[in-house]
Structures are given as C-alpha cells and as structure tokens.
PDB file of N, CA and C in Angstrom:
ATOM      1  N   MET A   1     -83.714 115.992 -29.026  1.00  0.00           N
ATOM      2  CA  MET A   1     -83.529 115.383 -27.724  1.00  0.00           C
ATOM      3  C   MET A   1     -83.064 116.459 -26.748  1.00  0.00           C
ATOM      4  N   LYS A   2     -83.636 116.477 -25.572  1.00  0.00           N
ATOM      5  CA  LYS A   2     -83.234 117.440 -24.555  1.00  0.00           C
ATOM      6  C   LYS A   2     -81.935 116.987 -23.894  1.00  0.00           C
ATOM      7  N   PRO A   3     -81.093 117.944 -23.496  1.00  0.00           N
ATOM      8  CA  PRO A   3     -79.835 117.567 -22.856  1.00  0.00           C
ATOM      9  C   PRO A   3     -80.056 117.042 -21.446  1.00  0.00           C
ATOM     10  N   PHE A   4     -79.176 116.223 -20.998  1.00  0.00           N
ATOM     11  CA  PHE A   4     -79.212 115.749 -19.616  1.00  0.00           C
ATOM     12  C   PHE A   4     -77.799 115.739 -19.085  1.00  0.00           C
ATOM     13  N   ILE A   5     -77.285 116.921 -18.899  1.00  0.00           N
ATOM     14  CA  ILE A   5     -75.922 117.055 -18.425  1.00  0.00           C
ATOM     15  C   ILE A   5     -75.917 117.434 -16.958  1.00  0.00           C
ATOM     16  N   GLY A   6     -74.811 117.221 -16.320  1.00  0.00           N
ATOM     17  CA  GLY A   6     -74.652 117.582 -14.926  1.00  0.00           C
ATOM     18  C   GLY A   6     -74.121 119.000 -14.816  1.00  0.00           C
ATOM     19  N   PHE A   7     -73.323 119.237 -13.807  1.00  0.00           N
ATOM     20  CA  PHE A   7     -72.774 120.564 -13.590  1.00  0.00           C
ATOM     21  C   PHE A   7     -71.778 120.953 -14.675  1.00  0.00           C
ATOM     22  N   GLU A   8     -71.115 120.000 -15.256  1.00  0.00           N
ATOM     23  CA  GLU A   8     -70.142 120.226 -16.318  1.00  0.00           C
ATOM     24  C   GLU A   8     -70.620 119.514 -17.581  1.00  0.00           C
ATOM     25  N   LYS A   9     -70.225 120.042 -18.737  1.00  0.00           N
ATOM     26  CA  LYS A   9     -70.589 119.404 -20.003  1.00  0.00           C
ATOM     27  C   LYS A   9     -70.049 117.979 -20.014  1.00  0.00           C
ATOM     28  N   TYR A  10     -70.865 117.042 -20.441  1.00  0.00           N
ATOM     29  CA  TYR A  10     -70.555 115.615 -20.550  1.00  0.00           C
ATOM     30  C   TYR A  10     -70.621 114.860 -19.222  1.00  0.00           C
ATOM     31  N   GLN A  11     -70.962 115.515 -18.148  1.00  0.00           N
ATOM     32  CA  GLN A  11     -71.144 114.817 -16.869  1.00  0.00           C
ATOM     33  C   GLN A  11     -72.557 114.246 -16.841  1.00  0.00           C
ATOM     34  N   ILE A  12     -72.734 113.092 -16.226  1.00  0.00           N
ATOM     35  CA  ILE A  12     -74.072 112.527 -16.080  1.00  0.00           C
ATOM     36  C   ILE A  12     -74.833 113.370 -15.068  1.00  0.00           C
ATOM     37  N   GLY A  13     -76.019 113.793 -15.443  1.00  0.00           N
ATOM     38  CA  GLY A  13     -76.871 114.580 -14.565  1.00  0.00           C
ATOM     39  C   GLY A  13     -78.253 113.967 -14.473  1.00  0.00           C
ATOM     40  N   LEU A  14     -79.163 114.672 -13.846  1.00  0.00           N
ATOM     41  CA  LEU A  14     -80.540 114.196 -13.728  1.00  0.00           C
ATOM     42  C   LEU A  14     -81.279 114.453 -15.034  1.00  0.00           C
ATOM     43  N   PRO A  15     -82.146 113.527 -15.437  1.00  0.00           N
ATOM     44  CA  PRO A  15     -82.895 113.741 -16.682  1.00  0.00           C
ATOM     45  C   PRO A  15     -83.984 114.794 -16.466  1.00  0.00           C
ATOM     46  N   PRO A  16     -84.414 115.459 -17.546  1.00  0.00           N
ATOM     47  CA  PRO A  16     -85.529 116.406 -17.434  1.00  0.00           C
ATOM     48  C   PRO A  16     -86.816 115.678 -17.042  1.00  0.00           C
ATOM     49  N   ALA A  17     -87.787 116.402 -16.546  1.00  0.00           N
ATOM     50  CA  ALA A  17     -89.081 115.819 -16.170  1.00  0.00           C
ATOM     51  C   ALA A  17     -89.686 115.087 -17.363  1.00  0.00           C
ATOM     52  N   GLY A  18     -90.220 113.888 -17.124  1.00  0.00           N
ATOM     53  CA  GLY A  18     -90.844 113.101 -18.175  1.00  0.00           C
ATOM     54  C   GLY A  18     -89.885 112.198 -18.933  1.00  0.00           C
ATOM     55  N   TYR A  19     -88.607 112.225 -18.570  1.00  0.00           N
ATOM     56  CA  TYR A  19     -87.593 111.405 -19.233  1.00  0.00           C
ATOM     57  C   TYR A  19     -86.962 110.447 -18.233  1.00  0.00           C
ATOM     58  N   ALA A  20     -86.460 109.359 -18.747  1.00  0.00           N
ATOM     59  CA  ALA A  20     -85.700 108.401 -17.947  1.00  0.00           C
ATOM     60  C   ALA A  20     -84.345 108.247 -18.618  1.00  0.00           C
ATOM     61  N   GLN A  21     -83.357 107.835 -17.849  1.00  0.00           N
ATOM     62  CA  GLN A  21     -82.039 107.622 -18.439  1.00  0.00           C
ATOM     63  C   GLN A  21     -81.489 106.267 -18.029  1.00  0.00           C
ATOM     64  N   LEU A  22     -80.692 105.731 -18.907  1.00  0.00           N
ATOM     65  CA  LEU A  22     -79.957 104.498 -18.660  1.00  0.00           C
ATOM     66  C   LEU A  22     -78.505 104.826 -18.917  1.00  0.00           C
ATOM     67  N   PHE A  23     -77.638 104.440 -18.007  1.00  0.00           N
ATOM     68  CA  PHE A  23     -76.224 104.614 -18.317  1.00  0.00           C
ATOM     69  C   PHE A  23     -75.486 103.323 -18.056  1.00  0.00           C
ATOM     70  N   ILE A  24     -74.494 103.081 -18.892  1.00  0.00           N
ATOM     71  CA  ILE A  24     -73.677 101.877 -18.823  1.00  0.00           C
ATOM     72  C   ILE A  24     -72.251 102.317 -18.552  1.00  0.00           C
ATOM     73  N   ASN A  25     -71.720 101.868 -17.447  1.00  0.00           N
ATOM     74  CA  ASN A  25     -70.354 102.213 -17.069  1.00  0.00           C
ATOM     75  C   ASN A  25     -69.400 101.377 -17.915  1.00  0.00           C
ATOM     76  N   LEU A  26     -68.713 102.010 -18.840  1.00  0.00           N
ATOM     77  CA  LEU A  26     -67.822 101.288 -19.745  1.00  0.00           C
ATOM     78  C   LEU A  26     -66.615 100.701 -19.022  1.00  0.00           C
ATOM     79  N   CYS A  27     -66.316 101.219 -17.832  1.00  0.00           N
ATOM     80  CA  CYS A  27     -65.191 100.701 -17.049  1.00  0.00           C
ATOM     81  C   CYS A  27     -65.527  99.379 -16.363  1.00  0.00           C
ATOM     82  N   GLU A  28     -66.805  99.045 -16.282  1.00  0.00           N
ATOM     83  CA  GLU A  28     -67.238  97.837 -15.569  1.00  0.00           C
ATOM     84  C   GLU A  28     -67.648  96.697 -16.498  1.00  0.00           C
ATOM     85  N   LEU A  29     -67.497  96.870 -17.791  1.00  0.00           N
ATOM     86  CA  LEU A  29     -67.909  95.837 -18.743  1.00  0.00           C
ATOM     87  C   LEU A  29     -67.052  94.588 -18.608  1.00  0.00           C
ATOM     88  N   GLU A  30     -67.680  93.444 -18.756  1.00  0.00           N
ATOM     89  CA  GLU A  30     -66.973  92.164 -18.777  1.00  0.00           C
ATOM     90  C   GLU A  30     -67.475  91.364 -19.969  1.00  0.00           C
ATOM     91  N   GLY A  31     -66.577  90.892 -20.782  1.00  0.00           N
ATOM     92  CA  GLY A  31     -66.952  90.040 -21.910  1.00  0.00           C
ATOM     93  C   GLY A  31     -67.423  90.798 -23.138  1.00  0.00           C
ATOM     94  N   VAL A  32     -67.392  92.109 -23.088  1.00  0.00           N
ATOM     95  CA  VAL A  32     -67.776  92.928 -24.239  1.00  0.00           C
ATOM     96  C   VAL A  32     -66.931  94.204 -24.187  1.00  0.00           C
ATOM     97  N   SER A  33     -66.517  94.665 -25.359  1.00  0.00           N
ATOM     98  CA  SER A  33     -65.704  95.884 -25.398  1.00  0.00           C
ATOM     99  C   SER A  33     -66.616  97.108 -25.340  1.00  0.00           C
ATOM    100  N   ALA A  34     -66.020  98.254 -25.073  1.00  0.00           N
ATOM    101  CA  ALA A  34     -66.780  99.504 -25.052  1.00  0.00           C
ATOM    102  C   ALA A  34     -67.399  99.764 -26.422  1.00  0.00           C
ATOM    103  N   ALA A  35     -66.643  99.524 -27.485  1.00  0.00           N
ATOM    104  CA  ALA A  35     -67.153  99.734 -28.848  1.00  0.00           C
ATOM    105  C   ALA A  35     -68.350  98.824 -29.132  1.00  0.00           C
ATOM    106  N   GLU A  36     -68.272  97.569 -28.674  1.00  0.00           N
ATOM    107  CA  GLU A  36     -69.394  96.638 -28.873  1.00  0.00           C
ATOM    108  C   GLU A  36     -70.628  97.085 -28.090  1.00  0.00           C
ATOM    109  N   ALA A  37     -70.436  97.578 -26.878  1.00  0.00           N
ATOM    110  CA  ALA A  37     -71.565  98.042 -26.058  1.00  0.00           C
ATOM    111  C   ALA A  37     -72.240  99.239 -26.721  1.00  0.00           C
ATOM    112  N   ILE A  38     -71.444 100.151 -27.249  1.00  0.00           N
ATOM    113  CA  ILE A  38     -72.007 101.318 -27.937  1.00  0.00           C
ATOM    114  C   ILE A  38     -72.746 100.873 -29.199  1.00  0.00           C
ATOM    115  N   ALA A  39     -72.148  99.960 -29.970  1.00  0.00           N
ATOM    116  CA  ALA A  39     -72.779  99.470 -31.203  1.00  0.00           C
ATOM    117  C   ALA A  39     -74.097  98.752 -30.901  1.00  0.00           C
ATOM    118  N   LYS A  40     -74.135  97.954 -29.842  1.00  0.00           N
ATOM    119  CA  LYS A  40     -75.372  97.249 -29.478  1.00  0.00           C
ATOM    120  C   LYS A  40     -76.456  98.227 -29.065  1.00  0.00           C
ATOM    121  N   THR A  41     -76.086  99.274 -28.349  1.00  0.00           N
ATOM    122  CA  THR A  41     -77.055 100.281 -27.935  1.00  0.00           C
ATOM    123  C   THR A  41     -77.614 101.005 -29.164  1.00  0.00           C
ATOM    124  N   GLU A  42     -76.754 101.330 -30.118  1.00  0.00           N
ATOM    125  CA  GLU A  42     -77.206 101.979 -31.348  1.00  0.00           C
ATOM    126  C   GLU A  42     -78.085 101.041 -32.170  1.00  0.00           C
ATOM    127  N   ALA A  43     -77.749  99.749 -32.204  1.00  0.00           N
ATOM    128  CA  ALA A  43     -78.538  98.770 -32.951  1.00  0.00           C
ATOM    129  C   ALA A  43     -79.950  98.635 -32.383  1.00  0.00           C
ATOM    130  N   MET A  44     -80.119  98.971 -31.109  1.00  0.00           N
ATOM    131  CA  MET A  44     -81.435  98.928 -30.467  1.00  0.00           C
ATOM    132  C   MET A  44     -82.249 100.186 -30.773  1.00  0.00           C
ATOM    133  N   GLY A  45     -81.660 101.097 -31.555  1.00  0.00           N
ATOM    134  CA  GLY A  45     -82.378 102.297 -31.961  1.00  0.00           C
ATOM    135  C   GLY A  45     -82.148 103.514 -31.078  1.00  0.00           C
ATOM    136  N   TYR A  46     -81.224 103.413 -30.126  1.00  0.00           N
ATOM    137  CA  TYR A  46     -80.940 104.533 -29.236  1.00  0.00           C
ATOM    138  C   TYR A  46     -79.790 105.370 -29.783  1.00  0.00           C
ATOM    139  N   GLU A  47     -79.677 106.581 -29.273  1.00  0.00           N
ATOM    140  CA  GLU A  47     -78.582 107.476 -29.635  1.00  0.00           C
ATOM    141  C   GLU A  47     -77.743 107.716 -28.371  1.00  0.00           C
ATOM    142  N   PRO A  48     -76.838 106.792 -28.048  1.00  0.00           N
ATOM    143  CA  PRO A  48     -76.058 106.941 -26.820  1.00  0.00           C
ATOM    144  C   PRO A  48     -75.107 108.126 -26.896  1.00  0.00           C
ATOM    145  N   GLN A  49     -74.860 108.710 -25.749  1.00  0.00           N
ATOM    146  CA  GLN A  49     -73.938 109.836 -25.645  1.00  0.00           C
ATOM    147  C   GLN A  49     -72.884 109.487 -24.605  1.00  0.00           C
ATOM    148  N   LEU A  50     -71.639 109.852 -24.875  1.00  0.00           N
ATOM    149  CA  LEU A  50     -70.581 109.619 -23.893  1.00  0.00           C
ATOM    150  C   LEU A  50     -70.709 110.623 -22.761  1.00  0.00           C
ATOM    151  N   ARG A  51     -70.625 110.147 -21.545  1.00  0.00           N
ATOM    152  CA  ARG A  51     -70.689 110.971 -20.345  1.00  0.00           C
ATOM    153  C   ARG A  51     -69.655 110.432 -19.366  1.00  0.00           C
ATOM    154  N   TYR A  52     -69.365 111.215 -18.349  1.00  0.00           N
ATOM    155  CA  TYR A  52     -68.462 110.713 -17.317  1.00  0.00           C
ATOM    156  C   TYR A  52     -69.154 110.746 -15.970  1.00  0.00           C
ATOM    157  N   LEU A  53     -68.700 109.876 -15.105  1.00  0.00           N
ATOM    158  CA  LEU A  53     -69.197 109.766 -13.742  1.00  0.00           C
ATOM    159  C   LEU A  53     -68.016 110.006 -12.819  1.00  0.00           C
ATOM    160  N   ASP A  54     -68.124 111.013 -11.973  1.00  0.00           N
ATOM    161  CA  ASP A  54     -67.054 111.353 -11.038  1.00  0.00           C
ATOM    162  C   ASP A  54     -67.257 110.544  -9.767  1.00  0.00           C
ATOM    163  N   THR A  55     -66.362 109.596  -9.489  1.00  0.00           N
ATOM    164  CA  THR A  55     -66.469 108.736  -8.314  1.00  0.00           C
ATOM    165  C   THR A  55     -65.303 109.017  -7.374  1.00  0.00           C
ATOM    166  N   PRO A  56     -65.365 108.541  -6.137  1.00  0.00           N
ATOM    167  CA  PRO A  56     -64.232 108.725  -5.227  1.00  0.00           C
ATOM    168  C   PRO A  56     -62.934 108.106  -5.750  1.00  0.00           C
ATOM    169  N   ASP A  57     -63.052 107.085  -6.624  1.00  0.00           N
ATOM    170  CA  ASP A  57     -61.870 106.426  -7.180  1.00  0.00           C
ATOM    171  C   ASP A  57     -61.362 107.082  -8.458  1.00  0.00           C
ATOM    172  N   GLY A  58     -62.052 108.101  -8.964  1.00  0.00           N
ATOM    173  CA  GLY A  58     -61.643 108.787 -10.180  1.00  0.00           C
ATOM    174  C   GLY A  58     -62.781 108.864 -11.176  1.00  0.00           C
ATOM    175  N   LEU A  59     -62.479 109.285 -12.383  1.00  0.00           N
ATOM    176  CA  LEU A  59     -63.490 109.405 -13.427  1.00  0.00           C
ATOM    177  C   LEU A  59     -63.730 108.064 -14.097  1.00  0.00           C
ATOM    178  N   GLU A  60     -64.995 107.797 -14.397  1.00  0.00           N
ATOM    179  CA  GLU A  60     -65.363 106.596 -15.135  1.00  0.00           C
ATOM    180  C   GLU A  60     -66.170 107.026 -16.334  1.00  0.00           C
ATOM    181  N   VAL A  61     -65.864 106.444 -17.495  1.00  0.00           N
ATOM    182  CA  VAL A  61     -66.549 106.787 -18.734  1.00  0.00           C
ATOM    183  C   VAL A  61     -67.769 105.902 -18.891  1.00  0.00           C
ATOM    184  N   CYS A  62     -68.882 106.516 -19.262  1.00  0.00           N
ATOM    185  CA  CYS A  62     -70.142 105.800 -19.421  1.00  0.00           C
ATOM    186  C   CYS A  62     -70.778 106.191 -20.747  1.00  0.00           C
ATOM    187  N   ILE A  63     -71.692 105.334 -21.220  1.00  0.00           N
ATOM    188  CA  ILE A  63     -72.580 105.767 -22.282  1.00  0.00           C
ATOM    189  C   ILE A  63     -73.927 105.978 -21.618  1.00  0.00           C
ATOM    190  N   ALA A  64     -74.626 106.985 -22.038  1.00  0.00           N
ATOM    191  CA  ALA A  64     -75.906 107.315 -21.444  1.00  0.00           C
ATOM    192  C   ALA A  64     -76.949 107.427 -22.542  1.00  0.00           C
ATOM    193  N   VAL A  65     -78.157 106.986 -22.231  1.00  0.00           N
ATOM    194  CA  VAL A  65     -79.278 107.031 -23.152  1.00  0.00           C
ATOM    195  C   VAL A  65     -80.424 107.754 -22.445  1.00  0.00           C
ATOM    196  N   LEU A  66     -81.012 108.718 -23.103  1.00  0.00           N
ATOM    197  CA  LEU A  66     -82.157 109.440 -22.577  1.00  0.00           C
ATOM    198  C   LEU A  66     -83.376 109.009 -23.343  1.00  0.00           C
ATOM    199  N   LYS A  67     -84.476 108.700 -22.642  1.00  0.00           N
ATOM    200  CA  LYS A  67     -85.688 108.197 -23.297  1.00  0.00           C
ATOM    201  C   LYS A  67     -86.905 108.871 -22.714  1.00  0.00           C
ATOM    202  N   LEU A  68     -87.814 109.295 -23.581  1.00  0.00           N
ATOM    203  CA  LEU A  68     -89.082 109.861 -23.152  1.00  0.00           C
ATOM    204  C   LEU A  68     -89.926 108.751 -22.548  1.00  0.00           C
ATOM    205  N   MET A  69     -90.474 109.011 -21.368  1.00  0.00           N
ATOM    206  CA  MET A  69     -91.276 107.976 -20.691  1.00  0.00           C
ATOM    207  C   MET A  69     -92.704 107.984 -21.192  1.00  0.00           C
TER     208      MET A  69
END
C-alpha cells in the first residue's frame, strides 16, 4: 500500500494519483466507540491507519483507509 501522509508522519494528506481515501473522525463518533469503529472497518477487509487532523480547535484523531480506485 502506498503511503498517504501529510507534511508530518501520521497526518492526513492527499492520496496518491489513482487512489481514494476515507477517513473517520474518531472524535465525532456517536453510539459507537473508537475501538468498535476500527474493528468494523477491519471486518470490511480494510487496513485502517491512525492519522490526525489538525483543526483550529486542536488535534483530532481519525482512522483513514486508502483504496485503489
């Protein structure tokens, strides 16, 4: 799998050409825990990676999935 990092390691960045990404903000989950969200993503056959999103309100932890289009 090709990396899709931002300016810093583990930051969400733009995906390489030919790839799409999905990220789930673990700070915004309702009714499901972060562990459950990661487990469900893995159960769907994806290999989620922990990334962070730098927002004006601070850092938010996300899981990100990279997929070949």
